[in-house]
PDB file of N, CA and C in Angstrom:
ATOM      1  N   MET A   1       7.725 -11.329   2.685  1.00  0.00           N
ATOM      2  CA  MET A   1       8.602 -11.265   1.458  1.00  0.00           C
ATOM      3  C   MET A   1       7.854 -11.646   0.301  1.00  0.00           C
ATOM      4  N   ALA A   2       7.405 -10.678  -0.569  1.00  0.00           N
ATOM      5  CA  ALA A   2       6.758 -10.735  -1.712  1.00  0.00           C
ATOM      6  C   ALA A   2       7.740 -11.055  -2.802  1.00  0.00           C
ATOM      7  N   LYS A   3       7.613 -12.005  -3.644  1.00  0.00           N
ATOM      8  CA  LYS A   3       8.350 -12.227  -4.795  1.00  0.00           C
ATOM      9  C   LYS A   3       7.705 -11.764  -5.938  1.00  0.00           C
ATOM     10  N   ILE A   4       8.386 -10.957  -6.763  1.00  0.00           N
ATOM     11  CA  ILE A   4       7.955 -10.338  -7.979  1.00  0.00           C
ATOM     12  C   ILE A   4       8.893 -10.920  -9.071  1.00  0.00           C
ATOM     13  N   THR A   5       8.116 -11.471 -10.169  1.00  0.00           N
ATOM     14  CA  THR A   5       9.041 -11.908 -11.355  1.00  0.00           C
ATOM     15  C   THR A   5       8.961 -10.971 -12.618  1.00  0.00           C
ATOM     16  N   ILE A   6       9.951 -10.322 -12.979  1.00  0.00           N
ATOM     17  CA  ILE A   6      10.023  -9.663 -14.133  1.00  0.00           C
ATOM     18  C   ILE A   6      11.106 -10.084 -15.185  1.00  0.00           C
ATOM     19  N   ASN A   7      10.688 -10.118 -16.420  1.00  0.00           N
ATOM     20  CA  ASN A   7      11.506 -10.950 -17.353  1.00  0.00           C
ATOM     21  C   ASN A   7      12.267 -12.147 -16.858  1.00  0.00           C
ATOM     22  N   ASN A   8      11.480 -13.017 -16.302  1.00  0.00           N
ATOM     23  CA  ASN A   8      11.832 -14.279 -15.825  1.00  0.00           C
ATOM     24  C   ASN A   8      12.910 -14.245 -14.779  1.00  0.00           C
ATOM     25  N   ILE A   9      13.022 -13.173 -14.080  1.00  0.00           N
ATOM     26  CA  ILE A   9      13.903 -12.979 -13.033  1.00  0.00           C
ATOM     27  C   ILE A   9      13.079 -12.643 -11.834  1.00  0.00           C
ATOM     28  N   ALA A  10      13.110 -13.504 -10.603  1.00  0.00           N
ATOM     29  CA  ALA A  10      12.472 -13.170  -9.310  1.00  0.00           C
ATOM     30  C   ALA A  10      13.108 -12.163  -8.511  1.00  0.00           C
ATOM     31  N   TYR A  11      12.438 -11.204  -8.013  1.00  0.00           N
ATOM     32  CA  TYR A  11      12.904 -10.066  -7.105  1.00  0.00           C
ATOM     33  C   TYR A  11      12.232 -10.258  -5.853  1.00  0.00           C
ATOM     34  N   ASP A  12      12.863  -9.899  -4.768  1.00  0.00           N
ATOM     35  CA  ASP A  12      12.157  -9.798  -3.354  1.00  0.00           C
ATOM     36  C   ASP A  12      11.742  -8.359  -3.376  1.00  0.00           C
ATOM     37  N   ALA A  13      10.402  -8.104  -3.159  1.00  0.00           N
ATOM     38  CA  ALA A  13       9.901  -6.844  -3.270  1.00  0.00           C
ATOM     39  C   ALA A  13      10.145  -5.943  -2.151  1.00  0.00           C
ATOM     40  N   ASP A  14      10.523  -6.682  -0.955  1.00  0.00           N
ATOM     41  CA  ASP A  14      10.812  -5.983   0.267  1.00  0.00           C
ATOM     42  C   ASP A  14      12.304  -5.360   0.085  1.00  0.00           C
ATOM     43  N   ASN A  15      13.117  -5.903  -0.731  1.00  0.00           N
ATOM     44  CA  ASN A  15      14.486  -5.289  -0.866  1.00  0.00           C
ATOM     45  C   ASN A  15      14.656  -4.550  -1.947  1.00  0.00           C
ATOM     46  N   MET A  16      13.630  -4.242  -2.702  1.00  0.00           N
ATOM     47  CA  MET A  16      13.703  -3.163  -3.781  1.00  0.00           C
ATOM     48  C   MET A  16      13.979  -1.786  -3.363  1.00  0.00           C
ATOM     49  N   SER A  17      14.624  -0.924  -4.144  1.00  0.00           N
ATOM     50  CA  SER A  17      14.743   0.393  -3.666  1.00  0.00           C
ATOM     51  C   SER A  17      13.371   1.099  -3.717  1.00  0.00           C
ATOM     52  N   ASP A  18      13.478   2.122  -3.126  1.00  0.00           N
ATOM     53  CA  ASP A  18      12.207   2.969  -2.996  1.00  0.00           C
ATOM     54  C   ASP A  18      11.598   3.496  -4.511  1.00  0.00           C
ATOM     55  N   GLN A  19      12.664   3.788  -5.312  1.00  0.00           N
ATOM     56  CA  GLN A  19      12.184   4.097  -6.653  1.00  0.00           C
ATOM     57  C   GLN A  19      11.466   2.924  -7.302  1.00  0.00           C
ATOM     58  N   ALA A  20      12.213   1.550  -7.207  1.00  0.00           N
ATOM     59  CA  ALA A  20      11.630   0.365  -7.712  1.00  0.00           C
ATOM     60  C   ALA A  20      10.403   0.156  -7.197  1.00  0.00           C
ATOM     61  N   LYS A  21      10.223   0.284  -5.910  1.00  0.00           N
ATOM     62  CA  LYS A  21       8.756   0.070  -5.174  1.00  0.00           C
ATOM     63  C   LYS A  21       7.623   0.886  -6.004  1.00  0.00           C
ATOM     64  N   GLN A  22       8.239   2.289  -6.107  1.00  0.00           N
ATOM     65  CA  GLN A  22       7.305   3.217  -6.626  1.00  0.00           C
ATOM     66  C   GLN A  22       6.824   2.829  -7.993  1.00  0.00           C
ATOM     67  N   GLN A  23       7.759   2.462  -8.990  1.00  0.00           N
ATOM     68  CA  GLN A  23       7.561   2.048 -10.222  1.00  0.00           C
ATOM     69  C   GLN A  23       6.618   0.896 -10.167  1.00  0.00           C
ATOM     70  N   LEU A  24       6.867  -0.201  -9.371  1.00  0.00           N
ATOM     71  CA  LEU A  24       6.101  -1.354  -9.296  1.00  0.00           C
ATOM     72  C   LEU A  24       4.749  -1.083  -8.934  1.00  0.00           C
ATOM     73  N   ASN A  25       4.539  -0.023  -7.792  1.00  0.00           N
ATOM     74  CA  ASN A  25       3.140   0.300  -7.509  1.00  0.00           C
ATOM     75  C   ASN A  25       2.389   1.028  -8.710  1.00  0.00           C
ATOM     76  N   MET A  26       3.144   1.863  -9.545  1.00  0.00           N
ATOM     77  CA  MET A  26       2.431   2.494 -10.684  1.00  0.00           C
ATOM     78  C   MET A  26       2.222   1.504 -11.621  1.00  0.00           C
ATOM     79  N   LEU A  27       2.832   0.509 -11.830  1.00  0.00           N
ATOM     80  CA  LEU A  27       2.702  -0.556 -12.886  1.00  0.00           C
ATOM     81  C   LEU A  27       1.509  -1.424 -12.452  1.00  0.00           C
ATOM     82  N   GLN A  28       1.266  -1.596 -11.069  1.00  0.00           N
ATOM     83  CA  GLN A  28       0.098  -2.347 -10.531  1.00  0.00           C
ATOM     84  C   GLN A  28      -1.125  -1.524 -10.853  1.00  0.00           C
ATOM     85  N   ILE A  29      -1.023  -0.229 -10.453  1.00  0.00           N
ATOM     86  CA  ILE A  29      -2.113   0.815 -10.559  1.00  0.00           C
ATOM     87  C   ILE A  29      -2.652   0.820 -12.129  1.00  0.00           C
ATOM     88  N   THR A  30      -1.589   0.818 -13.031  1.00  0.00           N
ATOM     89  CA  THR A  30      -1.879   0.856 -14.333  1.00  0.00           C
ATOM     90  C   THR A  30      -2.613  -0.358 -14.875  1.00  0.00           C
ATOM     91  N   GLU A  31      -2.140  -1.486 -14.386  1.00  0.00           N
ATOM     92  CA  GLU A  31      -2.706  -2.933 -14.838  1.00  0.00           C
ATOM     93  C   GLU A  31      -3.968  -2.889 -14.364  1.00  0.00           C
ATOM     94  N   ALA A  32      -4.438  -2.413 -13.189  1.00  0.00           N
ATOM     95  CA  ALA A  32      -5.641  -2.299 -12.707  1.00  0.00           C
ATOM     96  C   ALA A  32      -6.584  -1.466 -13.463  1.00  0.00           C
ATOM     97  N   GLU A  33      -6.174  -0.313 -13.805  1.00  0.00           N
ATOM     98  CA  GLU A  33      -6.777   0.686 -14.779  1.00  0.00           C
ATOM     99  C   GLU A  33      -7.115  -0.013 -16.165  1.00  0.00           C
ATOM    100  N   ILE A  34      -6.172  -0.628 -16.643  1.00  0.00           N
ATOM    101  CA  ILE A  34      -6.544  -1.281 -17.921  1.00  0.00           C
ATOM    102  C   ILE A  34      -7.615  -2.322 -17.707  1.00  0.00           C
ATOM    103  N   ALA A  35      -7.589  -3.107 -16.701  1.00  0.00           N
ATOM    104  CA  ALA A  35      -8.548  -4.102 -16.518  1.00  0.00           C
ATOM    105  C   ALA A  35      -9.953  -3.430 -16.344  1.00  0.00           C
ATOM    106  N   ARG A  36     -10.024  -2.331 -15.737  1.00  0.00           N
ATOM    107  CA  ARG A  36     -11.256  -1.747 -15.415  1.00  0.00           C
ATOM    108  C   ARG A  36     -11.815  -1.151 -16.785  1.00  0.00           C
ATOM    109  N   LEU A  37     -10.836  -0.469 -17.520  1.00  0.00           N
ATOM    110  CA  LEU A  37     -11.219   0.077 -18.905  1.00  0.00           C
ATOM    111  C   LEU A  37     -11.826  -0.938 -19.854  1.00  0.00           C
ATOM    112  N   GLU A  38     -11.024  -2.237 -19.845  1.00  0.00           N
ATOM    113  CA  GLU A  38     -11.593  -3.505 -20.652  1.00  0.00           C
ATOM    114  C   GLU A  38     -12.948  -3.941 -20.288  1.00  0.00           C
ATOM    115  N   ALA A  39     -13.202  -3.898 -18.948  1.00  0.00           N
ATOM    116  CA  ALA A  39     -14.581  -4.215 -18.542  1.00  0.00           C
ATOM    117  C   ALA A  39     -15.664  -3.182 -18.904  1.00  0.00           C
ATOM    118  N   GLN A  40     -15.229  -2.001 -18.884  1.00  0.00           N
ATOM    119  CA  GLN A  40     -16.103  -0.931 -19.501  1.00  0.00           C
ATOM    120  C   GLN A  40     -16.513  -1.125 -20.807  1.00  0.00           C
ATOM    121  N   LEU A  41     -15.498  -1.441 -21.609  1.00  0.00           N
ATOM    122  CA  LEU A  41     -15.640  -1.597 -23.099  1.00  0.00           C
ATOM    123  C   LEU A  41     -16.362  -2.759 -23.371  1.00  0.00           C
ATOM    124  N   ALA A  42     -16.310  -3.890 -22.688  1.00  0.00           N
ATOM    125  CA  ALA A  42     -17.179  -5.053 -22.636  1.00  0.00           C
ATOM    126  C   ALA A  42     -18.596  -4.683 -22.379  1.00  0.00           C
ATOM    127  N   ILE A  43     -18.857  -3.754 -21.588  1.00  0.00           N
ATOM    128  CA  ILE A  43     -20.273  -3.399 -21.116  1.00  0.00           C
ATOM    129  C   ILE A  43     -20.617  -2.475 -22.379  1.00  0.00           C
ATOM    130  N   ALA A  44     -19.897  -1.643 -22.956  1.00  0.00           N
ATOM    131  CA  ALA A  44     -20.377  -0.781 -23.956  1.00  0.00           C
ATOM    132  C   ALA A  44     -20.560  -1.589 -25.265  1.00  0.00           C
ATOM    133  N   GLN A  45     -19.831  -2.695 -25.688  1.00  0.00           N
ATOM    134  CA  GLN A  45     -19.846  -3.416 -26.757  1.00  0.00           C
ATOM    135  C   GLN A  45     -21.157  -4.262 -26.515  1.00  0.00           C
ATOM    136  N   THR A  46     -21.592  -4.863 -25.263  1.00  0.00           N
ATOM    137  CA  THR A  46     -22.867  -5.584 -25.088  1.00  0.00           C
ATOM    138  C   THR A  46     -24.098  -4.626 -25.416  1.00  0.00           C
ATOM    139  N   ALA A  47     -24.011  -3.335 -24.849  1.00  0.00           N
ATOM    140  CA  ALA A  47     -25.015  -2.373 -25.007  1.00  0.00           C
ATOM    141  C   ALA A  47     -25.277  -2.079 -26.391  1.00  0.00           C
ATOM    142  N   LYS A  48     -24.157  -1.907 -27.192  1.00  0.00           N
ATOM    143  CA  LYS A  48     -24.154  -1.510 -28.606  1.00  0.00           C
ATOM    144  C   LYS A  48     -25.002  -2.640 -29.344  1.00  0.00           C
ATOM    145  N   ILE A  49     -24.639  -3.868 -29.048  1.00  0.00           N
ATOM    146  CA  ILE A  49     -25.315  -5.073 -29.629  1.00  0.00           C
ATOM    147  C   ILE A  49     -26.760  -4.982 -29.272  1.00  0.00           C
ATOM    148  N   ALA A  50     -27.072  -4.720 -27.992  1.00  0.00           N
ATOM    149  CA  ALA A  50     -28.582  -4.683 -27.574  1.00  0.00           C
ATOM    150  C   ALA A  50     -29.297  -3.552 -28.374  1.00  0.00           C
ATOM    151  N   TYR A  51     -28.747  -2.405 -28.525  1.00  0.00           N
ATOM    152  CA  TYR A  51     -29.210  -1.200 -29.208  1.00  0.00           C
ATOM    153  C   TYR A  51     -29.602  -1.587 -30.610  1.00  0.00           C
ATOM    154  N   ALA A  52     -28.612  -2.216 -31.282  1.00  0.00           N
ATOM    155  CA  ALA A  52     -28.763  -2.549 -32.727  1.00  0.00           C
ATOM    156  C   ALA A  52     -29.900  -3.595 -32.807  1.00  0.00           C
ATOM    157  N   ARG A  53     -30.018  -4.642 -31.939  1.00  0.00           N
ATOM    158  CA  ARG A  53     -31.000  -5.406 -32.022  1.00  0.00           C
ATOM    159  C   ARG A  53     -32.435  -4.749 -31.886  1.00  0.00           C
ATOM    160  N   ALA A  54     -32.533  -3.812 -30.975  1.00  0.00           N
ATOM    161  CA  ALA A  54     -33.765  -3.109 -30.567  1.00  0.00           C
ATOM    162  C   ALA A  54     -34.105  -2.147 -31.895  1.00  0.00           C
ATOM    163  N   LEU A  55     -32.989  -1.636 -32.477  1.00  0.00           N
ATOM    164  CA  LEU A  55     -33.437  -0.858 -33.760  1.00  0.00           C
ATOM    165  C   LEU A  55     -33.944  -1.621 -34.833  1.00  0.00           C
ATOM    166  N   GLU A  56     -33.405  -2.914 -35.089  1.00  0.00           N
ATOM    167  CA  GLU A  56     -33.863  -3.747 -35.947  1.00  0.00           C
ATOM    168  C   GLU A  56     -35.303  -4.057 -35.836  1.00  0.00           C
ATOM    169  N   LYS A  57     -35.611  -4.460 -34.573  1.00  0.00           N
ATOM    170  CA  LYS A  57     -37.051  -4.661 -34.315  1.00  0.00           C
ATOM    171  C   LYS A  57     -37.900  -3.526 -34.404  1.00  0.00           C
ATOM    172  N   ALA A  58     -37.391  -2.366 -34.383  1.00  0.00           N
ATOM    173  CA  ALA A  58     -38.342  -1.123 -34.488  1.00  0.00           C
ATOM    174  C   ALA A  58     -38.402  -0.560 -35.816  1.00  0.00           C
ATOM    175  N   LEU A  59     -37.853  -1.110 -36.819  1.00  0.00           N
ATOM    176  CA  LEU A  59     -37.979  -0.672 -38.221  1.00  0.00           C
ATOM    177  C   LEU A  59     -38.895  -1.488 -38.729  1.00  0.00           C
ATOM    178  N   PRO A  60     -39.691  -0.927 -39.726  1.00  0.00           N
ATOM    179  CA  PRO A  60     -40.721  -1.616 -40.478  1.00  0.00           C
ATOM    180  C   PRO A  60     -40.172  -2.490 -41.377  1.00  0.00           C
ATOM    181  N   VAL A  61     -40.737  -3.635 -41.560  1.00  0.00           N
ATOM    182  CA  VAL A  61     -40.209  -4.848 -42.463  1.00  0.00           C
ATOM    183  C   VAL A  61     -41.388  -5.217 -43.531  1.00  0.00           C
ATOM    184  N   SER A  62     -40.930  -5.415 -44.846  1.00  0.00           N
ATOM    185  CA  SER A  62     -42.046  -5.588 -45.793  1.00  0.00           C
ATOM    186  C   SER A  62     -42.133  -7.308 -45.795  1.00  0.00           C
ATOM    187  N   LYS A  63     -43.086  -7.801 -46.429  1.00  0.00           N
ATOM    188  CA  LYS A  63     -43.337  -9.188 -46.492  1.00  0.00           C
ATOM    189  C   LYS A  63     -42.159  -9.907 -47.002  1.00  0.00           C
ATOM    190  N   GLU A  64     -41.319  -9.430 -47.765  1.00  0.00           N
ATOM    191  CA  GLU A  64     -40.165 -10.064 -48.355  1.00  0.00           C
ATOM    192  C   GLU A  64     -38.978 -10.174 -47.147  1.00  0.00           C
ATOM    193  N   GLY A  65     -39.192  -9.397 -46.241  1.00  0.00           N
ATOM    194  CA  GLY A  65     -38.167  -9.327 -45.116  1.00  0.00           C
ATOM    195  C   GLY A  65     -37.255  -8.145 -45.399  1.00  0.00           C
ATOM    196  N   LEU A  66     -37.424  -7.324 -46.281  1.00  0.00           N
ATOM    197  CA  LEU A  66     -36.648  -6.128 -46.540  1.00  0.00           C
ATOM    198  C   LEU A  66     -37.078  -4.909 -45.661  1.00  0.00           C
ATOM    199  N   VAL A  67     -36.276  -4.081 -45.195  1.00  0.00           N
ATOM    200  CA  VAL A  67     -36.558  -2.965 -44.453  1.00  0.00           C
ATOM    201  C   VAL A  67     -37.194  -1.970 -45.375  1.00  0.00           C
ATOM    202  N   LEU A  68     -38.274  -1.335 -45.038  1.00  0.00           N
ATOM    203  CA  LEU A  68     -38.846  -0.453 -45.773  1.00  0.00           C
ATOM    204  C   LEU A  68     -38.406   0.945 -45.491  1.00  0.00           C
ATOM    205  N   HIS A  69     -38.127   1.751 -46.428  1.00  0.00           N
ATOM    206  CA  HIS A  69     -37.777   3.233 -46.260  1.00  0.00           C
ATOM    207  C   HIS A  69     -39.006   4.174 -46.370  1.00  0.00           C
ATOM    208  N   SER A  70     -39.096   5.202 -45.536  1.00  0.00           N
ATOM    209  CA  SER A  70     -40.208   5.958 -45.674  1.00  0.00           C
ATOM    210  C   SER A  70     -39.792   7.170 -46.432  1.00  0.00           C
TER     211      SER A  70
END
């Protein structure tokens, strides 16, 4: 007997209608997908920072610390 709380009301998942169970399942799948996408976004943001730092190191710098333009 799994208890599910929605809007501060506890429900027994075993006693839900088939339609409610299906909607609950889709909600759980959606939440998992959002978590997966948030993890991918964190990876992409980390890579972006690393690429920006690598770019800074690859650019020529003057004695005054200014980036030189070619």
